[in-house]
Amino acid sequence: MAATQRIAVGIAVAAVCASSLAACASGPEVVKKGAPGAQKGPQLPGSVVRLIGDGSTAYTGAQPHLPRPERLKAGERPPQFVVFSWDGAGEDSQKLFSHFRRVAKANNATMTFFLSGVYLLPREKRDLYRPPQHAPGSSDIGFNDAQGIADTVKQARLAWLEGNEIGTHFNGHFCGPEGGVGKWSVDEWKSEISQAKQFVKTWKTNTGMKNAASLPFDYDKELIGGRTPCLEGQKNFVKAASRLGFRYDSSGVNNQVWPKKRDGLWDLSMQLVPFPGHTFEQLTMDYNFMVNQSGTRTQGDPAKFGYWGNQMRDGLLKGFQRAYEGNRAPLVIGNHFESWNGGIYMRAVEDVVKEVCNKPDVRCVSFHQLADWLDAQDPRTLDKLRTLEVGEAPKQGWASFLSPRPAPAPKGVPGAPKP
């Protein structure tokens, strides 16, 4: 099976459903752009490129298009953050990685792409992967070929230069009771995280593409968060990730309220939003909409494709509007690069990006940017924001709610100001 097919099929299957490797890096090498040995391909204009290890990654300076977070002023209404994120991001024959890069750029948005480490590991080197509780070289989403790796690296490079985030979806995507990530210990999670980094940091060695352009970031510093396969194993993953310097996790299910930290990490999990035509709410992910529409069949009744796609689009928009007009809690949306039910979920997501990301006070950002903003806020402000329930706007308005002084009493009651 071609690598492009393996990725597409692997993601669909994964959705339904060891010790750390030492770095191969030698000391960093400094190469000025244009000098012999400099990397070709898009880098920052005039930047100094410091190759890392075998040159699979490189330090090229601060990430472009990464806004500096500002603390809310007294009485200021919070911006409405929306995060679009992608599990197992890889460029295959569907070209969805490149497509949504362009969609983001055209709509004042940045996104988070959770890269699967095995998408940068060629099949012939599969035994380099030592998954916890599984035989070496095992993976429920397969591996890749040279063209698939080159295409994925290119998109990851361009995405980062445009201000998007490259997170991780880890490696083999093992779910369920038999060796699934939900059964992994803290140390096993540490191994999985280390290997996910390692495959990104050594893709040139593993593919032999010595002259290819580097990824323009230091992945040890760039990688600050991820989402676990099938949303399993969050408890031990968070413990491991917090000890390895991660700053957020997106592996759970939340309501549309302001986030808090869990074991030192921001809990930026996906959320429940209205599900048009139903009395229950739905998780903001393509797979969950699909399961409640066509079951585990990735291609259901074509006659219902239009209706199902509109259900997802309208559900996400209802969730957005509920927050936008209410408590302004960040909206977190997760998806896969897939073609389930004729590609209706990809069209739904694109419609939502175009509808919401150009509205006043809306910031469509990566998890990295959201975590930066949260860290910049006065903790007392965030505590107060967390008192607002789903869809609840401050009764006396934002100026009063986030004011350092209490609101004046209404006229005609004790304590009211005199005319």
Protein backbone atom coordinates (compact mmCIF):
# COMPACT_ATOMS: atom_id res chain seq x y z
CA MET A 1 0.00 0.00 0.00
CA ALA A 2 1.36 3.45 -0.90
CA ALA A 3 2.32 5.73 1.96
CA THR A 4 -0.37 8.23 1.01
CA GLN A 5 -2.98 5.50 1.29
CA ARG A 6 -1.51 4.18 4.54
CA ILE A 7 -1.79 7.56 6.21
CA ALA A 8 -5.39 8.11 5.14
CA VAL A 9 -6.51 4.62 6.11
CA GLY A 10 -4.45 4.66 9.29
CA ILE A 11 -6.09 7.82 10.58
CA ALA A 12 -9.55 6.42 9.95
CA VAL A 13 -8.80 3.15 11.71
CA ALA A 14 -7.12 4.93 14.61
CA ALA A 15 -10.10 7.22 15.08
CA VAL A 16 -12.46 4.24 15.49
CA CYS A 17 -10.97 2.59 17.52
CA ALA A 18 11.12 1.18 26.52
CA SER A 19 13.32 3.39 27.43
CA SER A 20 13.89 6.81 25.89
CA LEU A 21 15.96 6.92 22.74
CA ALA A 22 19.16 8.91 23.09
CA ALA A 23 19.59 11.79 20.68
CA CYS A 24 21.91 11.20 17.74
CA ALA A 25 22.81 14.89 17.74
CA SER A 26 26.33 16.16 17.72
CA GLY A 27 27.06 19.73 18.74
CA PRO A 28 25.10 22.47 16.95
CA GLU A 29 26.63 23.92 13.81
CA VAL A 30 26.15 27.54 12.81
CA VAL A 31 25.71 28.14 9.10
CA LYS A 32 24.87 31.52 7.61
CA LYS A 33 22.29 31.51 4.88
CA GLY A 34 23.94 31.41 1.47
CA ALA A 35 27.21 29.96 2.75
CA PRO A 36 28.42 26.51 1.68
CA GLY A 37 26.44 23.88 3.50
CA ALA A 38 23.51 26.18 4.15
CA GLN A 39 20.09 24.59 3.86
CA LYS A 40 17.98 25.29 0.83
CA GLY A 41 14.28 25.97 1.02
CA PRO A 42 12.15 28.62 2.75
CA GLN A 43 13.80 30.07 5.83
CA LEU A 44 13.54 33.45 7.48
CA PRO A 45 15.00 36.23 5.27
CA GLY A 46 18.50 37.09 6.39
CA SER A 47 18.37 34.69 9.29
CA VAL A 48 21.20 32.69 10.76
CA VAL A 49 20.47 28.97 10.60
CA ARG A 50 21.92 26.81 13.36
CA LEU A 51 21.61 23.19 12.36
CA ILE A 52 20.69 20.78 15.12
CA GLY A 53 22.02 17.22 15.12
CA ASP A 54 21.90 15.77 11.61
CA GLY A 55 20.20 18.91 10.24
CA SER A 56 16.67 17.51 10.35
CA THR A 57 15.80 20.54 12.48
CA ALA A 58 17.43 23.92 12.90
CA TYR A 59 17.21 27.03 15.00
CA THR A 60 16.27 29.97 12.75
CA GLY A 61 15.22 32.51 15.34
CA ALA A 62 11.89 33.37 16.89
CA GLN A 63 8.82 32.03 15.10
CA PRO A 64 7.34 34.61 12.73
CA HIS A 65 3.73 35.74 13.07
CA LEU A 66 3.63 34.78 16.75
CA PRO A 67 1.88 37.70 18.49
CA ARG A 68 3.05 38.96 21.85
CA PRO A 69 0.32 38.24 24.42
CA GLU A 70 -1.11 41.17 26.36
CA ARG A 71 -2.77 41.19 29.74
CA LEU A 72 -6.44 42.20 29.80
CA LYS A 73 -7.00 45.73 30.98
CA ALA A 74 -9.47 46.47 33.74
CA GLY A 75 -13.01 46.28 32.39
CA GLU A 76 -11.90 44.93 29.00
CA ARG A 77 -13.92 42.21 27.31
CA PRO A 78 -11.83 39.09 26.57
CA PRO A 79 -11.21 38.20 22.93
CA GLN A 80 -13.03 35.17 21.59
CA PHE A 81 -10.37 32.54 20.96
CA VAL A 82 -11.00 29.65 18.57
CA VAL A 83 -8.48 26.82 18.12
CA PHE A 84 -8.64 24.58 15.06
CA SER A 85 -6.42 21.52 15.57
CA TRP A 86 -5.58 18.45 13.50
CA ASP A 87 -4.72 14.97 14.78
CA GLY A 88 -2.03 12.95 13.01
CA ALA A 89 -1.20 15.73 10.60
CA GLY A 90 0.49 14.43 7.45
CA GLU A 91 0.41 15.34 3.75
CA ASP A 92 -0.96 12.48 1.65
CA SER A 93 -2.77 12.23 -1.69
CA GLN A 94 -5.72 14.22 -0.31
CA LYS A 95 -3.43 17.28 0.14
CA LEU A 96 -5.43 18.43 3.16
CA PHE A 97 -2.46 19.67 5.17
CA SER A 98 -1.53 22.10 2.41
CA HIS A 99 -5.19 22.96 1.80
CA PHE A 100 -5.92 23.99 5.39
CA ARG A 101 -2.65 25.90 5.56
CA ARG A 102 -4.03 28.04 2.76
CA VAL A 103 -7.47 28.28 4.38
CA ALA A 104 -5.87 29.51 7.61
CA LYS A 105 -3.70 32.07 5.84
CA ALA A 106 -6.66 33.45 3.87
CA ASN A 107 -8.77 33.91 7.01
CA ASN A 108 -6.42 35.54 9.53
CA ALA A 109 -6.03 32.23 11.35
CA THR A 110 -3.27 30.05 12.70
CA MET A 111 -3.81 26.42 13.69
CA THR A 112 -2.21 23.53 15.56
CA PHE A 113 -1.03 20.51 13.57
CA PHE A 114 -0.45 17.45 15.76
CA LEU A 115 2.22 15.56 13.84
CA SER A 116 2.47 11.77 14.26
CA GLY A 117 6.14 10.86 14.66
CA VAL A 118 5.86 7.66 12.59
CA TYR A 119 4.82 9.77 9.60
CA LEU A 120 8.48 10.81 9.43
CA LEU A 121 9.78 7.24 9.82
CA PRO A 122 10.18 5.14 6.65
CA ARG A 123 8.70 1.67 6.71
CA GLU A 124 12.09 0.03 6.20
CA LYS A 125 13.27 1.66 9.45
CA ARG A 126 10.15 0.73 11.40
CA ASP A 127 12.08 -1.32 13.98
CA LEU A 128 13.54 1.91 15.32
CA TYR A 129 10.16 2.46 16.95
CA ARG A 130 9.86 0.65 20.28
CA PRO A 131 6.24 1.18 21.33
CA PRO A 132 5.34 0.48 24.95
CA GLN A 133 3.63 -2.91 25.42
CA HIS A 134 4.02 -3.77 21.71
CA ALA A 135 6.63 -5.44 19.53
CA PRO A 136 9.27 -3.21 17.91
CA GLY A 137 8.07 -1.80 14.60
CA SER A 138 4.37 -2.04 15.47
CA SER A 139 1.97 0.76 14.59
CA ASP A 140 -1.80 0.96 14.18
CA ILE A 141 -1.42 3.75 11.60
CA GLY A 142 1.46 2.30 9.59
CA PHE A 143 4.58 4.18 8.55
CA ASN A 144 5.49 6.27 5.50
CA ASP A 145 7.57 6.25 2.33
CA ALA A 146 10.13 8.78 1.12
CA GLN A 147 7.66 10.89 -0.85
CA GLY A 148 5.16 10.99 2.00
CA ILE A 149 7.88 12.08 4.42
CA ALA A 150 9.19 14.77 2.06
CA ASP A 151 5.68 16.13 1.51
CA THR A 152 4.85 16.13 5.22
CA VAL A 153 8.12 17.84 6.16
CA LYS A 154 7.50 20.51 3.53
CA GLN A 155 4.06 21.29 4.91
CA ALA A 156 5.26 21.31 8.52
CA ARG A 157 8.05 23.72 7.54
CA LEU A 158 5.71 26.11 5.74
CA ALA A 159 3.07 25.86 8.45
CA TRP A 160 5.53 26.89 11.17
CA LEU A 161 6.89 29.79 9.11
CA GLU A 162 3.30 31.03 8.73
CA GLY A 163 2.79 31.06 12.51
CA ASN A 164 1.10 27.69 12.98
CA GLU A 165 2.09 25.23 15.70
CA ILE A 166 3.58 21.77 15.23
CA GLY A 167 2.47 19.66 18.19
CA THR A 168 2.39 15.88 18.51
CA HIS A 169 -0.08 13.02 18.20
CA PHE A 170 2.73 10.70 19.31
CA ASN A 171 3.43 7.56 17.28
CA GLY A 172 1.63 4.24 16.89
CA HIS A 173 -1.89 5.35 17.90
CA PHE A 174 -2.66 2.31 20.05
CA CYS A 175 -6.16 2.35 21.56
CA GLY A 176 -8.29 -0.05 23.55
CA PRO A 177 -7.71 -2.45 26.45
CA GLU A 178 -4.89 -4.53 24.93
CA GLY A 179 -1.75 -2.43 25.17
CA GLY A 180 -3.60 0.79 24.40
CA VAL A 181 -2.28 4.13 25.58
CA GLY A 182 -4.85 4.13 28.35
CA LYS A 183 -2.86 1.34 30.01
CA TRP A 184 0.56 2.99 29.75
CA SER A 185 2.56 4.02 32.80
CA VAL A 186 4.16 7.43 33.29
CA ASP A 187 7.55 6.02 32.25
CA GLU A 188 6.04 4.42 29.14
CA TRP A 189 4.55 7.77 28.20
CA LYS A 190 7.94 9.38 28.66
CA SER A 191 9.38 6.86 26.21
CA GLU A 192 6.62 7.52 23.68
CA ILE A 193 7.11 11.28 23.90
CA SER A 194 10.88 10.94 23.54
CA GLN A 195 10.50 8.78 20.45
CA ALA A 196 7.97 11.16 18.88
CA LYS A 197 10.56 13.90 19.20
CA GLN A 198 13.37 11.68 17.99
CA PHE A 199 11.69 10.75 14.69
CA VAL A 200 11.19 14.44 13.92
CA LYS A 201 14.78 15.25 14.88
CA THR A 202 16.33 12.46 12.74
CA TRP A 203 14.16 12.18 9.63
CA LYS A 204 17.13 13.08 7.39
CA THR A 205 19.25 10.24 8.78
CA ASN A 206 16.38 7.79 8.57
CA THR A 207 15.49 8.71 4.96
CA GLY A 208 18.94 9.56 3.59
CA MET A 209 17.68 12.99 2.42
CA LYS A 210 20.86 14.75 3.50
CA ASN A 211 20.43 17.77 1.21
CA ALA A 212 16.78 18.50 2.00
CA ALA A 213 15.78 21.68 3.79
CA SER A 214 15.60 21.46 7.57
CA LEU A 215 12.53 21.98 9.68
CA PRO A 216 13.12 25.57 10.87
CA PHE A 217 12.64 25.01 14.61
CA ASP A 218 14.20 23.30 17.62
CA TYR A 219 11.61 20.61 18.33
CA ASP A 220 12.77 20.16 21.91
CA LYS A 221 11.63 23.74 22.51
CA GLU A 222 8.81 23.94 19.98
CA LEU A 223 6.93 20.90 21.28
CA ILE A 224 4.80 22.05 24.21
CA GLY A 225 1.61 19.99 23.86
CA GLY A 226 -0.34 17.24 22.17
CA ARG A 227 -3.47 15.11 22.10
CA THR A 228 -3.48 11.43 23.01
CA PRO A 229 -4.86 8.76 20.64
CA CYS A 230 -8.60 8.21 21.08
CA LEU A 231 -8.42 10.64 24.04
CA GLU A 232 -7.16 7.75 26.20
CA GLY A 233 -4.39 7.71 28.80
CA GLN A 234 -4.70 11.36 29.77
CA LYS A 235 -3.97 10.87 33.49
CA ASN A 236 -0.51 9.31 33.14
CA PHE A 237 0.30 11.27 30.00
CA VAL A 238 -0.22 14.58 31.81
CA LYS A 239 2.06 13.44 34.63
CA ALA A 240 4.78 12.51 32.15
CA ALA A 241 4.33 15.60 29.98
CA SER A 242 4.44 18.00 32.92
CA ARG A 243 7.83 16.56 33.91
CA LEU A 244 9.11 16.97 30.34
CA GLY A 245 8.28 20.65 30.00
CA PHE A 246 4.93 20.51 28.17
CA ARG A 247 2.61 23.44 28.80
CA TYR A 248 -0.80 22.15 27.73
CA ASP A 249 -2.82 19.03 26.95
CA SER A 250 -5.88 18.61 24.70
CA SER A 251 -6.84 15.00 25.46
CA GLY A 252 -10.10 15.31 27.37
CA VAL A 253 -13.70 16.47 27.11
CA ASN A 254 -14.72 19.83 28.58
CA ASN A 255 -17.70 22.14 28.69
CA GLN A 256 -17.44 25.60 27.17
CA VAL A 257 -15.94 27.29 30.21
CA TRP A 258 -12.62 29.01 30.84
CA PRO A 259 -9.75 26.50 31.15
CA LYS A 260 -7.69 25.70 34.22
CA LYS A 261 -4.49 23.77 34.81
CA ARG A 262 -4.16 20.05 35.53
CA ASP A 263 -0.84 18.90 37.03
CA GLY A 264 0.74 22.14 35.84
CA LEU A 265 -0.56 21.90 32.23
CA TRP A 266 -3.34 23.99 30.74
CA ASP A 267 -6.30 21.68 30.08
CA LEU A 268 -7.26 22.78 26.58
CA SER A 269 -9.47 19.82 25.74
CA MET A 270 -12.17 19.79 23.11
CA GLN A 271 -15.68 20.74 24.20
CA LEU A 272 -19.33 19.81 24.02
CA VAL A 273 -21.48 21.97 21.73
CA PRO A 274 -25.12 21.80 20.58
CA PHE A 275 -25.95 18.96 18.16
CA PRO A 276 -28.75 20.21 15.86
CA GLY A 277 -31.73 17.86 15.86
CA HIS A 278 -30.73 16.18 19.14
CA THR A 279 -31.24 16.84 22.84
CA PHE A 280 -27.66 15.90 23.74
CA GLU A 281 -24.47 17.82 23.02
CA GLN A 282 -21.63 16.70 20.79
CA LEU A 283 -17.84 16.78 21.06
CA THR A 284 -16.17 19.25 18.70
CA MET A 285 -14.49 16.58 16.55
CA ASP A 286 -15.27 15.17 13.11
CA TYR A 287 -15.08 11.54 14.24
CA ASN A 288 -17.68 12.02 16.97
CA PHE A 289 -20.11 13.64 14.56
CA MET A 290 -19.57 10.77 12.15
CA VAL A 291 -20.21 8.07 14.78
CA ASN A 292 -23.52 9.71 15.70
CA GLN A 293 -24.51 9.92 12.04
CA SER A 294 -23.24 6.81 10.22
CA GLY A 295 -21.81 4.73 13.07
CA THR A 296 -18.35 3.35 12.42
CA ARG A 297 -19.01 3.33 8.66
CA THR A 298 -16.79 6.02 7.23
CA GLN A 299 -18.94 6.15 4.08
CA GLY A 300 -22.63 6.08 4.98
CA ASP A 301 -25.75 6.98 3.01
CA PRO A 302 -24.77 9.56 0.33
CA ALA A 303 -28.30 10.95 0.42
CA LYS A 304 -27.61 12.20 3.95
CA PHE A 305 -24.19 13.72 3.33
CA GLY A 306 -25.50 17.28 2.92
CA TYR A 307 -27.63 17.09 6.07
CA TRP A 308 -24.85 15.55 8.14
CA GLY A 309 -22.30 18.12 7.02
CA ASN A 310 -24.69 20.93 7.88
CA GLN A 311 -25.24 19.36 11.31
CA MET A 312 -21.55 19.61 12.12
CA ARG A 313 -21.17 23.11 10.68
CA ASP A 314 -24.25 24.41 12.49
CA GLY A 315 -23.33 22.69 15.76
CA LEU A 316 -19.88 24.28 15.77
CA LEU A 317 -21.36 27.66 14.88
CA LYS A 318 -23.92 27.38 17.69
CA GLY A 319 -21.14 26.58 20.11
CA PHE A 320 -19.15 29.54 18.83
CA GLN A 321 -22.07 31.95 19.10
CA ARG A 322 -22.89 30.71 22.61
CA ALA A 323 -19.39 31.63 23.75
CA TYR A 324 -19.05 34.78 21.64
CA GLU A 325 -22.21 36.31 23.09
CA GLY A 326 -21.73 34.69 26.51
CA ASN A 327 -18.69 33.91 28.63
CA ARG A 328 -16.13 34.21 25.81
CA ALA A 329 -14.57 30.86 26.78
CA PRO A 330 -12.09 29.66 24.13
CA LEU A 331 -13.63 27.23 21.63
CA VAL A 332 -11.46 24.18 20.88
CA ILE A 333 -12.14 22.15 17.72
CA GLY A 334 -10.33 18.95 16.71
CA ASN A 335 -10.30 17.04 13.42
CA HIS A 336 -8.41 14.61 11.20
CA PHE A 337 -7.33 14.95 7.59
CA GLU A 338 -9.96 12.57 6.21
CA SER A 339 -12.66 12.05 3.56
CA TRP A 340 -15.33 10.39 5.70
CA ASN A 341 -18.86 10.56 4.30
CA GLY A 342 -17.70 12.19 1.12
CA GLY A 343 -15.52 14.81 2.81
CA ILE A 344 -18.45 16.62 4.44
CA TYR A 345 -16.62 17.26 7.71
CA MET A 346 -13.71 18.96 5.97
CA ARG A 347 -16.16 21.24 4.18
CA ALA A 348 -17.94 21.95 7.47
CA VAL A 349 -14.71 22.94 9.19
CA GLU A 350 -13.69 25.18 6.30
CA ASP A 351 -17.10 26.90 6.39
CA VAL A 352 -16.67 27.56 10.12
CA VAL A 353 -13.18 28.99 9.65
CA LYS A 354 -14.48 31.39 7.01
CA GLU A 355 -17.53 32.32 9.10
CA VAL A 356 -15.90 33.03 12.46
CA CYS A 357 -12.24 33.95 12.02
CA ASN A 358 -12.94 37.33 10.42
CA LYS A 359 -15.41 38.56 13.05
CA PRO A 360 -14.57 41.43 15.42
CA ASP A 361 -12.79 40.40 18.64
CA VAL A 362 -12.23 36.85 17.32
CA ARG A 363 -8.74 35.33 17.32
CA CYS A 364 -8.31 31.99 15.58
CA VAL A 365 -5.06 30.83 17.13
CA SER A 366 -2.90 27.81 17.87
CA PHE A 367 -2.78 26.16 21.29
CA HIS A 368 0.69 27.67 21.69
CA GLN A 369 -0.70 31.17 21.29
CA LEU A 370 -3.64 30.47 23.60
CA ALA A 371 -1.33 29.09 26.30
CA ASP A 372 0.88 32.17 25.95
CA TRP A 373 -2.14 34.45 26.42
CA LEU A 374 -3.42 32.53 29.44
CA ASP A 375 0.01 32.63 31.07
CA ALA A 376 0.13 36.41 30.59
CA GLN A 377 -3.13 37.06 32.46
CA ASP A 378 -3.61 38.03 36.09
CA PRO A 379 -4.59 34.75 37.82
CA ARG A 380 -7.38 36.62 39.62
CA THR A 381 -8.87 37.61 36.29
CA LEU A 382 -8.89 33.99 35.09
CA ASP A 383 -10.43 32.88 38.39
CA LYS A 384 -13.24 35.34 37.85
CA LEU A 385 -13.77 34.26 34.25
CA ARG A 386 -14.14 30.67 35.47
CA THR A 387 -17.16 31.66 37.55
CA LEU A 388 -19.15 32.18 34.34
CA GLU A 389 -21.15 29.13 33.28
CA VAL A 390 -21.59 27.85 29.71
CA GLY A 391 -23.01 30.68 27.61
CA GLU A 392 -23.30 33.04 30.61
CA ALA A 393 -22.47 36.68 29.94
CA PRO A 394 -21.77 39.02 32.85
CA LYS A 395 -25.12 40.38 34.06
CA GLN A 396 -23.83 43.96 34.42
CA GLY A 397 -21.54 43.83 31.40
CA TRP A 398 -17.84 43.22 30.94
CA ALA A 399 -16.73 46.68 32.05
CA SER A 400 -18.19 46.03 35.48
CA PHE A 401 -17.35 42.33 35.68
CA LEU A 402 -13.62 42.76 35.13
CA SER A 403 -13.34 46.12 36.86
CA PRO A 404 -11.04 46.39 39.88
CA ARG A 405 -13.81 48.36 41.63
CA PRO A 406 -17.32 47.15 42.44
CA ALA A 407 -20.11 48.42 40.21
CA PRO A 408 -22.06 51.42 41.58
CA ALA A 409 -25.36 50.54 43.23
CA PRO A 410 -28.49 51.36 41.23
CA LYS A 411 -30.20 54.69 41.95
CA GLY A 412 -32.77 54.67 44.75
CA VAL A 413 -31.15 51.98 46.90
CA PRO A 414 -28.86 52.36 49.93
CA GLY A 415 -25.36 53.29 48.83
CA ALA A 416 -26.43 54.66 45.46
CA PRO A 417 -24.51 57.72 44.24
CA LYS A 418 -26.31 61.02 44.56
CA PRO A 419 -27.55 62.70 41.36
